[in-house]
Amino acid sequence: METTRFGVIVVCVVLSTASAIPTHGADTQDTSMDKRQASHHDCLVNGYRFRHGESFNIPGYSHCLQYRCLNQRYQIVSEACEVDGQCHPVGSTFGKDCIFYRCDKSDRGHSLWYQPTVTRRLCKDANGHCRHEGENFPYIFNGHWYNRCQCIVYGSQTRYSCGS
């Protein structure tokens, strides 16, 4: 199985690489402009204050990762891979342009990584439909329409061959 790093999760630019997120509560200095009445049960995360019991996303990180503040600690309550601004839950499969992925989570010491892993590649015909290797289908190459084409998937590449 091949891993691709086109999904961005949490810290980096979407469709660039997988990235790390904090895994558990750690107090940081409160530099936010939040004027709410502070409670000794609140959570301070990356300079932001969150109320006890509040669900939140950490500003600047993926919106696909949701936390909850519980007695000065925060924990993950929802986690997913972010691809093109959409959230795909850990373990789910999804497709884009005839490439199919599974959202995988890995623990790398003090951080968790969320990234889509390629599980299957298909070929894309002239009409945008996904086709299997060995199947005959129409394909456009260099602006020319061909009716009898096939494809072969080589690792991360797809090659097309067309007869006249």
Protein backbone atom coordinates (compact mmCIF):
# COMPACT_ATOMS: atom_id res chain seq x y z
CA MET A 1 0.00 0.00 0.00
CA GLU A 2 1.30 3.40 -0.92
CA THR A 3 1.06 6.51 1.22
CA THR A 4 0.55 9.88 -0.39
CA ARG A 5 1.04 13.16 1.37
CA PHE A 6 -1.48 15.25 -0.46
CA GLY A 7 -3.78 15.77 2.50
CA VAL A 8 -3.03 18.33 5.03
CA ILE A 9 -4.14 17.93 8.41
CA VAL A 10 -3.91 20.39 11.15
CA VAL A 11 -0.82 22.56 10.72
CA CYS A 12 0.34 22.65 7.10
CA VAL A 13 -1.27 23.84 3.89
CA VAL A 14 -4.08 21.59 2.64
CA LEU A 15 -2.92 19.12 -0.02
CA SER A 16 0.70 19.47 0.94
CA THR A 17 1.68 17.05 3.72
CA ALA A 18 0.34 15.35 6.77
CA SER A 19 0.97 17.19 9.97
CA ALA A 20 1.10 16.87 13.71
CA ILE A 21 -1.38 18.07 16.31
CA PRO A 22 -1.18 18.31 20.07
CA THR A 23 -2.47 15.17 21.75
CA HIS A 24 -3.26 16.27 25.27
CA GLY A 25 -3.77 19.30 27.45
CA ALA A 26 -0.86 21.54 28.12
CA ASP A 27 -1.18 24.94 29.71
CA THR A 28 0.09 27.90 27.75
CA GLN A 29 0.14 31.58 28.50
CA ASP A 30 -3.24 33.25 27.92
CA THR A 31 -2.49 35.93 25.31
CA SER A 32 -6.01 36.05 23.86
CA MET A 33 -8.26 39.08 24.06
CA ASP A 34 -11.00 36.93 25.63
CA LYS A 35 -12.65 38.99 28.40
CA ARG A 36 -14.95 36.24 29.73
CA GLN A 37 -14.78 35.54 33.43
CA ALA A 38 -12.01 33.01 33.92
CA SER A 39 -12.65 29.81 35.84
CA HIS A 40 -10.06 27.57 37.41
CA HIS A 41 -11.58 24.75 35.30
CA ASP A 42 -10.93 26.52 31.97
CA CYS A 43 -8.36 25.32 29.43
CA LEU A 44 -5.60 27.48 28.00
CA VAL A 45 -4.56 26.16 24.58
CA ASN A 46 -2.04 27.97 22.37
CA GLY A 47 -2.96 31.26 24.03
CA TYR A 48 -6.73 30.76 23.73
CA ARG A 49 -9.06 30.26 26.69
CA PHE A 50 -11.83 27.67 26.44
CA ARG A 51 -14.50 27.15 29.10
CA HIS A 52 -14.89 23.89 31.01
CA GLY A 53 -17.24 21.63 28.97
CA GLU A 54 -16.79 23.67 25.79
CA SER A 55 -16.10 21.91 22.46
CA PHE A 56 -13.63 23.76 20.25
CA ASN A 57 -11.19 23.75 17.37
CA ILE A 58 -7.74 25.22 17.93
CA PRO A 59 -7.40 28.34 15.75
CA GLY A 60 -4.77 27.80 13.06
CA TYR A 61 -5.19 24.02 13.08
CA SER A 62 -7.50 21.78 11.07
CA HIS A 63 -11.23 22.32 11.57
CA CYS A 64 -11.52 18.51 11.29
CA LEU A 65 -10.08 18.09 14.76
CA GLN A 66 -12.47 18.87 17.62
CA TYR A 67 -11.54 19.04 21.29
CA ARG A 68 -13.43 19.38 24.57
CA CYS A 69 -12.19 21.21 27.65
CA LEU A 70 -12.55 19.20 30.87
CA ASN A 71 -11.06 20.51 34.11
CA GLN A 72 -8.06 22.39 32.68
CA ARG A 73 -7.23 19.56 30.23
CA TYR A 74 -8.39 19.11 26.68
CA GLN A 75 -9.03 15.93 24.78
CA ILE A 76 -9.86 15.01 21.21
CA VAL A 77 -13.55 14.22 20.69
CA SER A 78 -13.63 14.11 16.88
CA GLU A 79 -10.77 13.48 14.47
CA ALA A 80 -10.51 13.33 10.70
CA CYS A 81 -8.27 13.91 7.68
CA GLU A 82 -8.79 17.24 5.97
CA VAL A 83 -8.66 17.15 2.18
CA ASP A 84 -9.70 20.17 0.11
CA GLY A 85 -11.45 21.62 3.17
CA GLN A 86 -13.57 18.51 3.76
CA CYS A 87 -13.31 16.23 6.78
CA HIS A 88 -12.99 12.46 6.34
CA PRO A 89 -13.25 10.50 9.64
CA VAL A 90 -10.34 8.27 10.68
CA GLY A 91 -10.77 4.84 9.07
CA SER A 92 -13.16 6.07 6.39
CA THR A 93 -12.51 5.66 2.68
CA PHE A 94 -13.11 8.30 0.03
CA GLY A 95 -12.22 8.99 -3.59
CA LYS A 96 -11.02 11.94 -5.62
CA ASP A 97 -10.27 11.84 -9.35
CA CYS A 98 -10.39 8.01 -9.46
CA ILE A 99 -7.86 7.68 -6.63
CA PHE A 100 -9.24 6.13 -3.45
CA TYR A 101 -7.95 6.83 0.04
CA ARG A 102 -8.37 5.77 3.66
CA CYS A 103 -7.94 8.32 6.43
CA ASP A 104 -5.16 6.99 8.66
CA LYS A 105 -4.02 8.18 12.09
CA SER A 106 -0.57 7.45 13.48
CA ASP A 107 1.02 8.23 16.83
CA ARG A 108 4.49 9.73 16.47
CA GLY A 109 5.59 10.26 20.02
CA HIS A 110 4.04 13.46 21.37
CA SER A 111 1.87 14.11 18.32
CA LEU A 112 -0.77 12.44 16.20
CA TRP A 113 -0.66 12.54 12.41
CA TYR A 114 -3.70 12.37 10.15
CA GLN A 115 -3.16 11.62 6.49
CA PRO A 116 -4.95 10.01 3.57
CA THR A 117 -3.35 6.77 2.35
CA VAL A 118 -3.89 5.63 -1.25
CA THR A 119 -5.70 2.28 -1.28
CA ARG A 120 -6.58 1.99 -4.98
CA ARG A 121 -6.11 3.78 -8.28
CA LEU A 122 -8.41 3.56 -11.27
CA CYS A 123 -8.25 5.12 -14.72
CA LYS A 124 -10.25 8.18 -15.74
CA ASP A 125 -12.01 8.16 -19.13
CA ALA A 126 -12.87 11.08 -21.44
CA ASN A 127 -16.19 11.57 -19.62
CA GLY A 128 -14.59 11.69 -16.15
CA HIS A 129 -15.76 8.19 -15.16
CA CYS A 130 -13.48 5.79 -13.30
CA ARG A 131 -12.44 2.68 -15.22
CA HIS A 132 -10.53 -0.51 -14.36
CA GLU A 133 -7.28 -1.63 -15.99
CA GLY A 134 -7.88 -3.69 -19.14
CA GLU A 135 -11.27 -2.09 -19.81
CA ASN A 136 -11.79 -0.30 -23.18
CA PHE A 137 -12.98 3.29 -22.90
CA PRO A 138 -12.82 6.70 -24.64
CA TYR A 139 -9.92 8.97 -23.72
CA ILE A 140 -8.70 12.39 -24.82
CA PHE A 141 -4.97 12.74 -25.46
CA ASN A 142 -3.37 15.96 -26.76
CA GLY A 143 -6.80 17.27 -27.73
CA HIS A 144 -7.69 14.17 -29.79
CA TRP A 145 -10.59 11.85 -28.91
CA TYR A 146 -9.80 8.13 -28.98
CA ASN A 147 -12.55 5.51 -28.59
CA ARG A 148 -10.51 2.41 -27.76
CA CYS A 149 -8.12 3.10 -24.92
CA GLN A 150 -6.88 1.14 -21.95
CA CYS A 151 -4.76 2.01 -18.99
CA ILE A 152 -2.19 0.42 -16.74
CA VAL A 153 -1.50 1.62 -13.21
CA TYR A 154 2.20 1.59 -12.24
CA GLY A 155 2.51 2.46 -8.56
CA SER A 156 1.62 6.14 -8.39
CA GLN A 157 1.35 6.64 -12.15
CA THR A 158 -1.37 5.78 -14.65
CA ARG A 159 -0.44 5.13 -18.28
CA TYR A 160 -2.89 5.14 -21.16
CA SER A 161 -2.59 3.44 -24.54
CA CYS A 162 -5.02 4.04 -27.36
CA GLY A 163 -5.63 2.32 -30.67
CA SER A 164 -6.96 4.04 -33.73
